[in-house]
Protein backbone atom coordinates (compact mmCIF):
# COMPACT_ATOMS: atom_id res chain seq x y z
CA UNK A 1 -1.38 7.18 4.08
CA UNK A 2 -4.65 9.16 6.07
CA UNK A 3 -7.41 7.52 7.65
CA UNK A 4 -9.29 10.18 6.06
CA UNK A 5 -8.26 8.79 2.46
CA UNK A 6 -9.03 4.74 3.78
CA UNK A 7 -12.75 5.49 4.77
CA UNK A 8 -13.20 7.35 1.35
CA UNK A 9 -11.79 4.80 -0.11
CA UNK A 10 -13.70 2.38 1.32
CA UNK A 11 -16.99 4.29 1.06
CA UNK A 12 -16.42 4.40 -2.74
CA UNK A 13 -16.03 0.49 -2.95
CA UNK A 14 -20.14 -0.24 -0.75
CA UNK A 15 -21.17 2.42 -2.87
CA UNK A 16 -19.98 0.77 -6.85
CA UNK A 17 -21.01 -2.87 -5.51
CA UNK A 18 -24.82 -1.13 -4.61
CA UNK A 19 -25.22 0.97 -7.15
CA UNK A 20 -22.44 2.70 -10.17
CA UNK A 21 -20.77 5.10 -9.47
CA UNK A 22 -20.17 9.19 -11.57
CA UNK A 23 -16.85 9.63 -13.87
CA UNK A 24 -15.99 12.60 -11.14
CA UNK A 25 -16.24 9.52 -8.29
CA UNK A 26 -14.09 7.07 -10.56
CA UNK A 27 -11.71 9.20 -11.31
CA UNK A 28 -11.38 9.89 -7.21
CA UNK A 29 -11.47 5.92 -6.61
CA UNK A 30 -7.76 5.54 -9.21
CA UNK A 31 -5.80 8.67 -7.30
CA UNK A 32 -6.37 7.36 -3.98
CA UNK A 33 -6.14 3.42 -5.00
CA UNK A 34 -2.99 5.10 -7.06
CA UNK A 35 -1.61 7.16 -3.73
CA UNK A 36 -2.79 3.55 -0.99
CA UNK A 37 -0.67 1.38 -3.16
CA UNK A 38 2.54 3.92 -3.65
CA UNK A 39 1.40 3.92 0.47
CA UNK A 40 1.29 0.28 1.39
CA UNK A 41 4.95 0.34 -1.21
CA UNK A 42 6.83 2.05 -0.19
CA UNK A 43 6.28 0.20 3.46
CA UNK A 44 7.85 -2.14 2.67
CA UNK A 45 10.16 -1.23 1.15
CA UNK A 46 11.33 0.38 3.98
CA UNK A 47 10.47 -2.91 6.34
CA UNK A 48 12.91 -4.82 3.97
CA UNK A 49 15.88 -2.14 4.12
CA UNK A 50 15.89 -3.20 7.39
CA UNK A 51 15.99 -6.79 7.81
CA UNK A 52 18.67 -8.94 8.46
CA UNK A 53 18.80 -12.72 8.86
CA UNK A 54 20.84 -14.51 10.96
CA UNK A 55 22.86 -17.65 10.38
CA UNK A 56 23.13 -20.62 12.72
CA UNK A 57 26.39 -18.56 13.78
CA UNK A 58 24.83 -15.54 14.66
CA UNK A 59 25.93 -13.28 11.91
CA UNK A 60 23.78 -10.97 10.80
CA UNK A 61 23.44 -10.29 6.93
CA UNK A 62 21.42 -7.61 5.40
CA UNK A 63 19.53 -8.99 3.03
CA UNK A 64 20.77 -7.44 -0.19
CA UNK A 65 18.39 -6.31 -3.46
CA UNK A 66 17.56 -7.91 -6.74
CA UNK A 67 18.35 -6.25 -9.63
């Protein structure tokens, strides 16, 4: 996610704490939050897909996805 979008999320959060957001700002905040969460989730999944467990004998085992 672009830093510009993260900055906008933070800007809207500060504005929400100090006063009310307009309907357009609430919608924009919701869209940006969804995009941020999706980006974070994809990053985490990619990291876990490249994670291995090494046992005492040095054998590498790839993490298995739970169903």
